[in-house]
Amino acid sequence: MAGADVISHLIEIEKRAAEFMHQAHVEADARLTKARTEVDSQFKEAYEKLMKELEADYTKKSIALKEQYEKDFNDFVREITETPQDTEALRTLFLELLDKRLIR
């Protein structure tokens, strides 16, 4: 009977070892899940922060570009309208060109 007791004892030890292994796997899975959740949360937070910063920068630069465009356009229009027109010189040039075209 001593042999049967030894075998029984060894089987019991093996069952406990299997249970410890199972518990270790369950604990490892739980820790991995928790770590993955934390990392995903940190990533999402960093991503959203970066997106807000980029969107704010885009908006700021878009407004600045629009303002610069409007200023440049208005300066151009002002420069054109303030440029003195020499209509007599234009008329003379036009007539000269017209004469040359008609003569040929």
PDB file of N, CA and C in Angstrom:
ATOM      1  N   MET A   1       0.787  -1.194   0.000  1.00  0.00           N
ATOM      2  CA  MET A   1       0.000   0.000   0.000  1.00  0.00           C
ATOM      3  C   MET A   1       0.836   1.268   0.000  1.00  0.00           C
ATOM      4  N   ALA A   2       2.025   1.164   0.476  1.00  0.00           N
ATOM      5  CA  ALA A   2       2.893   2.329   0.526  1.00  0.00           C
ATOM      6  C   ALA A   2       3.130   2.855  -0.877  1.00  0.00           C
ATOM      7  N   GLY A   3       3.251   1.971  -1.864  1.00  0.00           N
ATOM      8  CA  GLY A   3       3.446   2.390  -3.254  1.00  0.00           C
ATOM      9  C   GLY A   3       2.239   3.161  -3.758  1.00  0.00           C
ATOM     10  N   ALA A   4       1.041   2.696  -3.380  1.00  0.00           N
ATOM     11  CA  ALA A   4      -0.186   3.365  -3.804  1.00  0.00           C
ATOM     12  C   ALA A   4      -0.281   4.739  -3.164  1.00  0.00           C
ATOM     13  N   ASP A   5       0.137   4.843  -1.899  1.00  0.00           N
ATOM     14  CA  ASP A   5       0.124   6.134  -1.211  1.00  0.00           C
ATOM     15  C   ASP A   5       1.104   7.115  -1.873  1.00  0.00           C
ATOM     16  N   VAL A   6       2.255   6.602  -2.270  1.00  0.00           N
ATOM     17  CA  VAL A   6       3.257   7.446  -2.916  1.00  0.00           C
ATOM     18  C   VAL A   6       2.711   7.951  -4.253  1.00  0.00           C
ATOM     19  N   ILE A   7       2.116   7.014  -5.016  1.00  0.00           N
ATOM     20  CA  ILE A   7       1.553   7.395  -6.314  1.00  0.00           C
ATOM     21  C   ILE A   7       0.412   8.391  -6.112  1.00  0.00           C
ATOM     22  N   SER A   8      -0.417   8.141  -5.134  1.00  0.00           N
ATOM     23  CA  SER A   8      -1.524   9.041  -4.824  1.00  0.00           C
ATOM     24  C   SER A   8      -0.995  10.421  -4.435  1.00  0.00           C
ATOM     25  N   HIS A   9       0.048  10.435  -3.629  1.00  0.00           N
ATOM     26  CA  HIS A   9       0.652  11.683  -3.193  1.00  0.00           C
ATOM     27  C   HIS A   9       1.244  12.433  -4.403  1.00  0.00           C
ATOM     28  N   LEU A  10       1.921  11.713  -5.281  1.00  0.00           N
ATOM     29  CA  LEU A  10       2.502  12.324  -6.476  1.00  0.00           C
ATOM     30  C   LEU A  10       1.415  12.889  -7.396  1.00  0.00           C
ATOM     31  N   ILE A  11       0.317  12.163  -7.523  1.00  0.00           N
ATOM     32  CA  ILE A  11      -0.805  12.646  -8.337  1.00  0.00           C
ATOM     33  C   ILE A  11      -1.382  13.919  -7.725  1.00  0.00           C
ATOM     34  N   GLU A  12      -1.498  13.939  -6.409  1.00  0.00           N
ATOM     35  CA  GLU A  12      -2.009  15.129  -5.718  1.00  0.00           C
ATOM     36  C   GLU A  12      -1.066  16.321  -5.936  1.00  0.00           C
ATOM     37  N   ILE A  13       0.245  16.063  -5.850  1.00  0.00           N
ATOM     38  CA  ILE A  13       1.229  17.126  -6.090  1.00  0.00           C
ATOM     39  C   ILE A  13       1.113  17.627  -7.526  1.00  0.00           C
ATOM     40  N   GLU A  14       0.942  16.690  -8.468  1.00  0.00           N
ATOM     41  CA  GLU A  14       0.793  17.081  -9.875  1.00  0.00           C
ATOM     42  C   GLU A  14      -0.473  17.920 -10.072  1.00  0.00           C
ATOM     43  N   LYS A  15      -1.557  17.564  -9.402  1.00  0.00           N
ATOM     44  CA  LYS A  15      -2.799  18.339  -9.506  1.00  0.00           C
ATOM     45  C   LYS A  15      -2.588  19.751  -8.966  1.00  0.00           C
ATOM     46  N   ARG A  16      -1.889  19.851  -7.835  1.00  0.00           N
ATOM     47  CA  ARG A  16      -1.633  21.177  -7.267  1.00  0.00           C
ATOM     48  C   ARG A  16      -0.722  22.002  -8.185  1.00  0.00           C
ATOM     49  N   ALA A  17       0.271  21.336  -8.759  1.00  0.00           N
ATOM     50  CA  ALA A  17       1.166  22.033  -9.690  1.00  0.00           C
ATOM     51  C   ALA A  17       0.376  22.530 -10.902  1.00  0.00           C
ATOM     52  N   ALA A  18      -0.524  21.697 -11.401  1.00  0.00           N
ATOM     53  CA  ALA A  18      -1.352  22.098 -12.538  1.00  0.00           C
ATOM     54  C   ALA A  18      -2.243  23.277 -12.150  1.00  0.00           C
ATOM     55  N   GLU A  19      -2.784  23.240 -10.941  1.00  0.00           N
ATOM     56  CA  GLU A  19      -3.623  24.347 -10.461  1.00  0.00           C
ATOM     57  C   GLU A  19      -2.797  25.629 -10.326  1.00  0.00           C
ATOM     58  N   PHE A  20      -1.581  25.517  -9.790  1.00  0.00           N
ATOM     59  CA  PHE A  20      -0.695  26.685  -9.696  1.00  0.00           C
ATOM     60  C   PHE A  20      -0.382  27.248 -11.089  1.00  0.00           C
ATOM     61  N   MET A  21      -0.121  26.348 -12.030  1.00  0.00           N
ATOM     62  CA  MET A  21       0.161  26.776 -13.401  1.00  0.00           C
ATOM     63  C   MET A  21      -1.057  27.490 -13.997  1.00  0.00           C
ATOM     64  N   HIS A  22      -2.227  26.919 -13.748  1.00  0.00           N
ATOM     65  CA  HIS A  22      -3.454  27.533 -14.247  1.00  0.00           C
ATOM     66  C   HIS A  22      -3.636  28.926 -13.632  1.00  0.00           C
ATOM     67  N   GLN A  23      -3.443  29.021 -12.317  1.00  0.00           N
ATOM     68  CA  GLN A  23      -3.569  30.313 -11.644  1.00  0.00           C
ATOM     69  C   GLN A  23      -2.538  31.318 -12.174  1.00  0.00           C
ATOM     70  N   ALA A  24      -1.326  30.826 -12.444  1.00  0.00           N
ATOM     71  CA  ALA A  24      -0.280  31.702 -12.989  1.00  0.00           C
ATOM     72  C   ALA A  24      -0.684  32.214 -14.371  1.00  0.00           C
ATOM     73  N   HIS A  25      -1.247  31.338 -15.200  1.00  0.00           N
ATOM     74  CA  HIS A  25      -1.709  31.762 -16.528  1.00  0.00           C
ATOM     75  C   HIS A  25      -2.844  32.780 -16.417  1.00  0.00           C
ATOM     76  N   VAL A  26      -3.780  32.519 -15.520  1.00  0.00           N
ATOM     77  CA  VAL A  26      -4.897  33.448 -15.323  1.00  0.00           C
ATOM     78  C   VAL A  26      -4.371  34.807 -14.855  1.00  0.00           C
ATOM     79  N   GLU A  27      -3.440  34.797 -13.900  1.00  0.00           N
ATOM     80  CA  GLU A  27      -2.858  36.042 -13.389  1.00  0.00           C
ATOM     81  C   GLU A  27      -2.079  36.773 -14.487  1.00  0.00           C
ATOM     82  N   ALA A  28      -1.311  36.025 -15.260  1.00  0.00           N
ATOM     83  CA  ALA A  28      -0.543  36.636 -16.355  1.00  0.00           C
ATOM     84  C   ALA A  28      -1.486  37.255 -17.384  1.00  0.00           C
ATOM     85  N   ASP A  29      -2.548  36.543 -17.733  1.00  0.00           N
ATOM     86  CA  ASP A  29      -3.525  37.084 -18.682  1.00  0.00           C
ATOM     87  C   ASP A  29      -4.170  38.362 -18.138  1.00  0.00           C
ATOM     88  N   ALA A  30      -4.498  38.352 -16.841  1.00  0.00           N
ATOM     89  CA  ALA A  30      -5.117  39.528 -16.226  1.00  0.00           C
ATOM     90  C   ALA A  30      -4.153  40.712 -16.251  1.00  0.00           C
ATOM     91  N   ARG A  31      -2.895  40.451 -15.925  1.00  0.00           N
ATOM     92  CA  ARG A  31      -1.903  41.531 -15.932  1.00  0.00           C
ATOM     93  C   ARG A  31      -1.685  42.071 -17.348  1.00  0.00           C
ATOM     94  N   LEU A  32      -1.619  41.166 -18.319  1.00  0.00           N
ATOM     95  CA  LEU A  32      -1.446  41.596 -19.705  1.00  0.00           C
ATOM     96  C   LEU A  32      -2.637  42.429 -20.179  1.00  0.00           C
ATOM     97  N   THR A  33      -3.829  41.979 -19.822  1.00  0.00           N
ATOM     98  CA  THR A  33      -5.030  42.718 -20.209  1.00  0.00           C
ATOM     99  C   THR A  33      -5.029  44.110 -19.580  1.00  0.00           C
ATOM    100  N   LYS A  34      -4.674  44.177 -18.303  1.00  0.00           N
ATOM    101  CA  LYS A  34      -4.624  45.463 -17.616  1.00  0.00           C
ATOM    102  C   LYS A  34      -3.568  46.372 -18.249  1.00  0.00           C
ATOM    103  N   ALA A  35      -2.391  45.820 -18.514  1.00  0.00           N
ATOM    104  CA  ALA A  35      -1.317  46.617 -19.124  1.00  0.00           C
ATOM    105  C   ALA A  35      -1.720  47.090 -20.517  1.00  0.00           C
ATOM    106  N   ARG A  36      -2.336  46.205 -21.294  1.00  0.00           N
ATOM    107  CA  ARG A  36      -2.767  46.568 -22.645  1.00  0.00           C
ATOM    108  C   ARG A  36      -3.812  47.684 -22.586  1.00  0.00           C
ATOM    109  N   THR A  37      -4.732  47.572 -21.643  1.00  0.00           N
ATOM    110  CA  THR A  37      -5.767  48.591 -21.482  1.00  0.00           C
ATOM    111  C   THR A  37      -5.151  49.938 -21.112  1.00  0.00           C
ATOM    112  N   GLU A  38      -4.184  49.920 -20.197  1.00  0.00           N
ATOM    113  CA  GLU A  38      -3.523  51.163 -19.795  1.00  0.00           C
ATOM    114  C   GLU A  38      -2.756  51.788 -20.957  1.00  0.00           C
ATOM    115  N   VAL A  39      -2.029  50.951 -21.703  1.00  0.00           N
ATOM    116  CA  VAL A  39      -1.260  51.461 -22.842  1.00  0.00           C
ATOM    117  C   VAL A  39      -2.202  52.021 -23.904  1.00  0.00           C
ATOM    118  N   ASP A  40      -3.284  51.313 -24.182  1.00  0.00           N
ATOM    119  CA  ASP A  40      -4.255  51.807 -25.164  1.00  0.00           C
ATOM    120  C   ASP A  40      -4.847  53.145 -24.721  1.00  0.00           C
ATOM    121  N   SER A  41      -5.130  53.256 -23.433  1.00  0.00           N
ATOM    122  CA  SER A  41      -5.689  54.496 -22.902  1.00  0.00           C
ATOM    123  C   SER A  41      -4.677  55.638 -23.026  1.00  0.00           C
ATOM    124  N   GLN A  42      -3.424  55.361 -22.690  1.00  0.00           N
ATOM    125  CA  GLN A  42      -2.379  56.381 -22.813  1.00  0.00           C
ATOM    126  C   GLN A  42      -2.188  56.790 -24.272  1.00  0.00           C
ATOM    127  N   PHE A  43      -2.214  55.812 -25.168  1.00  0.00           N
ATOM    128  CA  PHE A  43      -2.062  56.112 -26.593  1.00  0.00           C
ATOM    129  C   PHE A  43      -3.210  56.988 -27.076  1.00  0.00           C
ATOM    130  N   LYS A  44      -4.433  56.611 -26.700  1.00  0.00           N
ATOM    131  CA  LYS A  44      -5.599  57.376 -27.134  1.00  0.00           C
ATOM    132  C   LYS A  44      -5.524  58.809 -26.611  1.00  0.00           C
ATOM    133  N   GLU A  45      -5.124  58.957 -25.361  1.00  0.00           N
ATOM    134  CA  GLU A  45      -5.006  60.289 -24.768  1.00  0.00           C
ATOM    135  C   GLU A  45      -3.947  61.123 -25.499  1.00  0.00           C
ATOM    136  N   ALA A  46      -2.790  60.519 -25.753  1.00  0.00           N
ATOM    137  CA  ALA A  46      -1.716  61.232 -26.462  1.00  0.00           C
ATOM    138  C   ALA A  46      -2.143  61.562 -27.892  1.00  0.00           C
ATOM    139  N   TYR A  47      -2.835  60.628 -28.538  1.00  0.00           N
ATOM    140  CA  TYR A  47      -3.300  60.840 -29.912  1.00  0.00           C
ATOM    141  C   TYR A  47      -4.292  61.997 -29.971  1.00  0.00           C
ATOM    142  N   GLU A  48      -5.253  62.000 -29.065  1.00  0.00           N
ATOM    143  CA  GLU A  48      -6.256  63.065 -29.055  1.00  0.00           C
ATOM    144  C   GLU A  48      -5.620  64.423 -28.758  1.00  0.00           C
ATOM    145  N   LYS A  49      -4.641  64.437 -27.844  1.00  0.00           N
ATOM    146  CA  LYS A  49      -3.941  65.682 -27.528  1.00  0.00           C
ATOM    147  C   LYS A  49      -3.197  66.192 -28.762  1.00  0.00           C
ATOM    148  N   LEU A  50      -2.501  65.296 -29.435  1.00  0.00           N
ATOM    149  CA  LEU A  50      -1.763  65.678 -30.639  1.00  0.00           C
ATOM    150  C   LEU A  50      -2.708  66.185 -31.722  1.00  0.00           C
ATOM    151  N   MET A  51      -3.834  65.498 -31.909  1.00  0.00           N
ATOM    152  CA  MET A  51      -4.795  65.921 -32.929  1.00  0.00           C
ATOM    153  C   MET A  51      -5.346  67.314 -32.619  1.00  0.00           C
ATOM    154  N   LYS A  52      -5.641  67.588 -31.358  1.00  0.00           N
ATOM    155  CA  LYS A  52      -6.139  68.917 -30.982  1.00  0.00           C
ATOM    156  C   LYS A  52      -5.087  69.983 -31.267  1.00  0.00           C
ATOM    157  N   GLU A  53      -3.818  69.667 -30.937  1.00  0.00           N
ATOM    158  CA  GLU A  53      -2.743  70.626 -31.189  1.00  0.00           C
ATOM    159  C   GLU A  53      -2.585  70.878 -32.689  1.00  0.00           C
ATOM    160  N   LEU A  54      -2.613  69.808 -33.474  1.00  0.00           N
ATOM    161  CA  LEU A  54      -2.451  69.953 -34.919  1.00  0.00           C
ATOM    162  C   LEU A  54      -3.622  70.718 -35.537  1.00  0.00           C
ATOM    163  N   GLU A  55      -4.835  70.429 -35.081  1.00  0.00           N
ATOM    164  CA  GLU A  55      -5.999  71.140 -35.600  1.00  0.00           C
ATOM    165  C   GLU A  55      -5.947  72.622 -35.236  1.00  0.00           C
ATOM    166  N   ALA A  56      -5.521  72.918 -34.002  1.00  0.00           N
ATOM    167  CA  ALA A  56      -5.408  74.321 -33.582  1.00  0.00           C
ATOM    168  C   ALA A  56      -4.342  75.030 -34.411  1.00  0.00           C
ATOM    169  N   ASP A  57      -3.223  74.358 -34.643  1.00  0.00           N
ATOM    170  CA  ASP A  57      -2.150  74.939 -35.454  1.00  0.00           C
ATOM    171  C   ASP A  57      -2.622  75.160 -36.888  1.00  0.00           C
ATOM    172  N   TYR A  58      -3.356  74.191 -37.427  1.00  0.00           N
ATOM    173  CA  TYR A  58      -3.891  74.323 -38.790  1.00  0.00           C
ATOM    174  C   TYR A  58      -4.843  75.516 -38.883  1.00  0.00           C
ATOM    175  N   THR A  59      -5.728  75.623 -37.915  1.00  0.00           N
ATOM    176  CA  THR A  59      -6.691  76.727 -37.910  1.00  0.00           C
ATOM    177  C   THR A  59      -5.964  78.069 -37.821  1.00  0.00           C
ATOM    178  N   LYS A  60      -4.989  78.138 -36.923  1.00  0.00           N
ATOM    179  CA  LYS A  60      -4.227  79.377 -36.746  1.00  0.00           C
ATOM    180  C   LYS A  60      -3.499  79.758 -38.034  1.00  0.00           C
ATOM    181  N   LYS A  61      -2.844  78.788 -38.657  1.00  0.00           N
ATOM    182  CA  LYS A  61      -2.106  79.074 -39.886  1.00  0.00           C
ATOM    183  C   LYS A  61      -3.050  79.405 -41.042  1.00  0.00           C
ATOM    184  N   SER A  62      -4.193  78.744 -41.090  1.00  0.00           N
ATOM    185  CA  SER A  62      -5.172  79.041 -42.144  1.00  0.00           C
ATOM    186  C   SER A  62      -5.673  80.472 -42.032  1.00  0.00           C
ATOM    187  N   ILE A  63      -5.961  80.893 -40.826  1.00  0.00           N
ATOM    188  CA  ILE A  63      -6.427  82.267 -40.606  1.00  0.00           C
ATOM    189  C   ILE A  63      -5.334  83.258 -40.996  1.00  0.00           C
ATOM    190  N   ALA A  64      -4.097  82.967 -40.588  1.00  0.00           N
ATOM    191  CA  ALA A  64      -2.981  83.865 -40.920  1.00  0.00           C
ATOM    192  C   ALA A  64      -2.786  83.952 -42.433  1.00  0.00           C
ATOM    193  N   LEU A  65      -2.868  82.813 -43.117  1.00  0.00           N
ATOM    194  CA  LEU A  65      -2.716  82.821 -44.574  1.00  0.00           C
ATOM    195  C   LEU A  65      -3.842  83.598 -45.250  1.00  0.00           C
ATOM    196  N   LYS A  66      -5.062  83.410 -44.758  1.00  0.00           N
ATOM    197  CA  LYS A  66      -6.198  84.130 -45.337  1.00  0.00           C
ATOM    198  C   LYS A  66      -6.026  85.634 -45.145  1.00  0.00           C
ATOM    199  N   GLU A  67      -5.609  86.029 -43.951  1.00  0.00           N
ATOM    200  CA  GLU A  67      -5.402  87.451 -43.686  1.00  0.00           C
ATOM    201  C   GLU A  67      -4.290  88.012 -44.571  1.00  0.00           C
ATOM    202  N   GLN A  68      -3.202  87.249 -44.724  1.00  0.00           N
ATOM    203  CA  GLN A  68      -2.095  87.706 -45.567  1.00  0.00           C
ATOM    204  C   GLN A  68      -2.536  87.816 -47.022  1.00  0.00           C
ATOM    205  N   TYR A  69      -3.325  86.840 -47.482  1.00  0.00           N
ATOM    206  CA  TYR A  69      -3.835  86.883 -48.857  1.00  0.00           C
ATOM    207  C   TYR A  69      -4.691  88.131 -49.068  1.00  0.00           C
ATOM    208  N   GLU A  70      -5.602  88.370 -48.134  1.00  0.00           N
ATOM    209  CA  GLU A  70      -6.478  89.538 -48.265  1.00  0.00           C
ATOM    210  C   GLU A  70      -5.674  90.833 -48.256  1.00  0.00           C
ATOM    211  N   LYS A  71      -4.667  90.907 -47.396  1.00  0.00           N
ATOM    212  CA  LYS A  71      -3.816  92.099 -47.346  1.00  0.00           C
ATOM    213  C   LYS A  71      -3.076  92.273 -48.669  1.00  0.00           C
ATOM    214  N   ASP A  72      -2.458  91.195 -49.152  1.00  0.00           N
ATOM    215  CA  ASP A  72      -1.722  91.287 -50.420  1.00  0.00           C
ATOM    216  C   ASP A  72      -2.644  91.671 -51.571  1.00  0.00           C
ATOM    217  N   PHE A  73      -3.827  91.073 -51.604  1.00  0.00           N
ATOM    218  CA  PHE A  73      -4.779  91.385 -52.673  1.00  0.00           C
ATOM    219  C   PHE A  73      -5.211  92.845 -52.607  1.00  0.00           C
ATOM    220  N   ASN A  74      -5.533  93.297 -51.407  1.00  0.00           N
ATOM    221  CA  ASN A  74      -5.949  94.697 -51.244  1.00  0.00           C
ATOM    222  C   ASN A  74      -4.819  95.658 -51.600  1.00  0.00           C
ATOM    223  N   ASP A  75      -3.590  95.303 -51.220  1.00  0.00           N
ATOM    224  CA  ASP A  75      -2.440  96.134 -51.600  1.00  0.00           C
ATOM    225  C   ASP A  75      -2.295  96.188 -53.117  1.00  0.00           C
ATOM    226  N   PHE A  76      -2.484  95.060 -53.763  1.00  0.00           N
ATOM    227  CA  PHE A  76      -2.381  95.000 -55.221  1.00  0.00           C
ATOM    228  C   PHE A  76      -3.452  95.876 -55.872  1.00  0.00           C
ATOM    229  N   VAL A  77      -4.679  95.733 -55.407  1.00  0.00           N
ATOM    230  CA  VAL A  77      -5.780  96.535 -55.962  1.00  0.00           C
ATOM    231  C   VAL A  77      -5.512  98.016 -55.736  1.00  0.00           C
ATOM    232  N   ARG A  78      -5.060  98.372 -54.548  1.00  0.00           N
ATOM    233  CA  ARG A  78      -4.752  99.774 -54.243  1.00  0.00           C
ATOM    234  C   ARG A  78      -3.640 100.285 -55.155  1.00  0.00           C
ATOM    235  N   GLU A  79      -2.599  99.473 -55.316  1.00  0.00           N
ATOM    236  CA  GLU A  79      -1.483  99.886 -56.174  1.00  0.00           C
ATOM    237  C   GLU A  79      -1.941 100.091 -57.616  1.00  0.00           C
ATOM    238  N   ILE A  80      -2.790  99.207 -58.097  1.00  0.00           N
ATOM    239  CA  ILE A  80      -3.302  99.333 -59.466  1.00  0.00           C
ATOM    240  C   ILE A  80      -4.169 100.580 -59.607  1.00  0.00           C
ATOM    241  N   THR A  81      -5.059 100.795 -58.653  1.00  0.00           N
ATOM    242  CA  THR A  81      -5.970 101.943 -58.761  1.00  0.00           C
ATOM    243  C   THR A  81      -5.250 103.268 -58.562  1.00  0.00           C
ATOM    244  N   GLU A  82      -4.151 103.255 -57.798  1.00  0.00           N
ATOM    245  CA  GLU A  82      -3.415 104.499 -57.555  1.00  0.00           C
ATOM    246  C   GLU A  82      -2.373 104.790 -58.631  1.00  0.00           C
ATOM    247  N   THR A  83      -2.143 103.845 -59.510  1.00  0.00           N
ATOM    248  CA  THR A  83      -1.165 104.070 -60.573  1.00  0.00           C
ATOM    249  C   THR A  83      -1.740 105.067 -61.567  1.00  0.00           C
ATOM    250  N   PRO A  84      -1.004 106.142 -61.818  1.00  0.00           N
ATOM    251  CA  PRO A  84      -1.533 107.134 -62.768  1.00  0.00           C
ATOM    252  C   PRO A  84      -1.578 106.554 -64.178  1.00  0.00           C
ATOM    253  N   GLN A  85      -2.623 106.894 -64.872  1.00  0.00           N
ATOM    254  CA  GLN A  85      -2.786 106.398 -66.241  1.00  0.00           C
ATOM    255  C   GLN A  85      -2.481 107.527 -67.222  1.00  0.00           C
ATOM    256  N   ASP A  86      -1.588 107.221 -68.113  1.00  0.00           N
ATOM    257  CA  ASP A  86      -1.240 108.198 -69.151  1.00  0.00           C
ATOM    258  C   ASP A  86      -2.017 107.804 -70.402  1.00  0.00           C
ATOM    259  N   THR A  87      -3.249 108.268 -70.470  1.00  0.00           N
ATOM    260  CA  THR A  87      -4.124 107.878 -71.578  1.00  0.00           C
ATOM    261  C   THR A  87      -3.631 108.410 -72.915  1.00  0.00           C
ATOM    262  N   GLU A  88      -2.991 109.554 -72.897  1.00  0.00           N
ATOM    263  CA  GLU A  88      -2.484 110.112 -74.156  1.00  0.00           C
ATOM    264  C   GLU A  88      -1.365 109.248 -74.724  1.00  0.00           C
ATOM    265  N   ALA A  89      -0.479 108.785 -73.856  1.00  0.00           N
ATOM    266  CA  ALA A  89       0.611 107.918 -74.316  1.00  0.00           C
ATOM    267  C   ALA A  89       0.051 106.590 -74.809  1.00  0.00           C
ATOM    268  N   LEU A  90      -0.942 106.068 -74.132  1.00  0.00           N
ATOM    269  CA  LEU A  90      -1.569 104.813 -74.557  1.00  0.00           C
ATOM    270  C   LEU A  90      -2.243 104.998 -75.913  1.00  0.00           C
ATOM    271  N   ARG A  91      -2.924 106.128 -76.085  1.00  0.00           N
ATOM    272  CA  ARG A  91      -3.606 106.417 -77.359  1.00  0.00           C
ATOM    273  C   ARG A  91      -2.588 106.525 -78.493  1.00  0.00           C
ATOM    274  N   THR A  92      -1.493 107.213 -78.225  1.00  0.00           N
ATOM    275  CA  THR A  92      -0.445 107.371 -79.237  1.00  0.00           C
ATOM    276  C   THR A  92       0.144 106.018 -79.614  1.00  0.00           C
ATOM    277  N   LEU A  93       0.459 105.213 -78.622  1.00  0.00           N
ATOM    278  CA  LEU A  93       1.008 103.877 -78.878  1.00  0.00           C
ATOM    279  C   LEU A  93       0.021 103.031 -79.669  1.00  0.00           C
ATOM    280  N   PHE A  94      -1.218 103.069 -79.274  1.00  0.00           N
ATOM    281  CA  PHE A  94      -2.246 102.295 -79.965  1.00  0.00           C
ATOM    282  C   PHE A  94      -2.342 102.704 -81.429  1.00  0.00           C
ATOM    283  N   LEU A  95      -2.363 104.002 -81.672  1.00  0.00           N
ATOM    284  CA  LEU A  95      -2.455 104.494 -83.054  1.00  0.00           C
ATOM    285  C   LEU A  95      -1.223 104.106 -83.867  1.00  0.00           C
ATOM    286  N   GLU A  96      -0.047 104.170 -83.251  1.00  0.00           N
ATOM    287  CA  GLU A  96       1.176 103.763 -83.949  1.00  0.00           C
ATOM    288  C   GLU A  96       1.120 102.288 -84.320  1.00  0.00           C
ATOM    289  N   LEU A  97       0.696 101.481 -83.389  1.00  0.00           N
ATOM    290  CA  LEU A  97       0.600 100.044 -83.660  1.00  0.00           C
ATOM    291  C   LEU A  97      -0.450  99.760 -84.719  1.00  0.00           C
ATOM    292  N   LEU A  98      -1.532 100.484 -84.666  1.00  0.00           N
ATOM    293  CA  LEU A  98      -2.594 100.310 -85.643  1.00  0.00           C
ATOM    294  C   LEU A  98      -2.112 100.721 -87.034  1.00  0.00           C
ATOM    295  N   ASP A  99      -1.387 101.816 -87.109  1.00  0.00           N
ATOM    296  CA  ASP A  99      -0.835 102.262 -88.393  1.00  0.00           C
ATOM    297  C   ASP A  99       0.128 101.227 -88.957  1.00  0.00           C
ATOM    298  N   LYS A 100       0.995 100.700 -88.113  1.00  0.00           N
ATOM    299  CA  LYS A 100       1.957  99.697 -88.575  1.00  0.00           C
ATOM    300  C   LYS A 100       1.245  98.453 -89.068  1.00  0.00           C
ATOM    301  N   ARG A 101       0.210  98.078 -88.410  1.00  0.00           N
ATOM    302  CA  ARG A 101      -0.537  96.870 -88.775  1.00  0.00           C
ATOM    303  C   ARG A 101      -1.276  97.077 -90.101  1.00  0.00           C
ATOM    304  N   LEU A 102      -1.808  98.274 -90.276  1.00  0.00           N
ATOM    305  CA  LEU A 102      -2.565  98.552 -91.498  1.00  0.00           C
ATOM    306  C   LEU A 102      -1.658  98.736 -92.708  1.00  0.00           C
ATOM    307  N   ILE A 103      -0.462  99.232 -92.489  1.00  0.00           N
ATOM    308  CA  ILE A 103       0.446  99.488 -93.597  1.00  0.00           C
ATOM    309  C   ILE A 103       0.995  98.175 -94.143  1.00  0.00           C
ATOM    310  N   ARG A 104       1.271  97.268 -93.366  1.00  0.00           N
ATOM    311  CA  ARG A 104       1.880  96.014 -93.822  1.00  0.00           C
ATOM    312  C   ARG A 104       0.962  95.193 -94.602  1.00  0.00           C
TER     313      ARG A 104
END
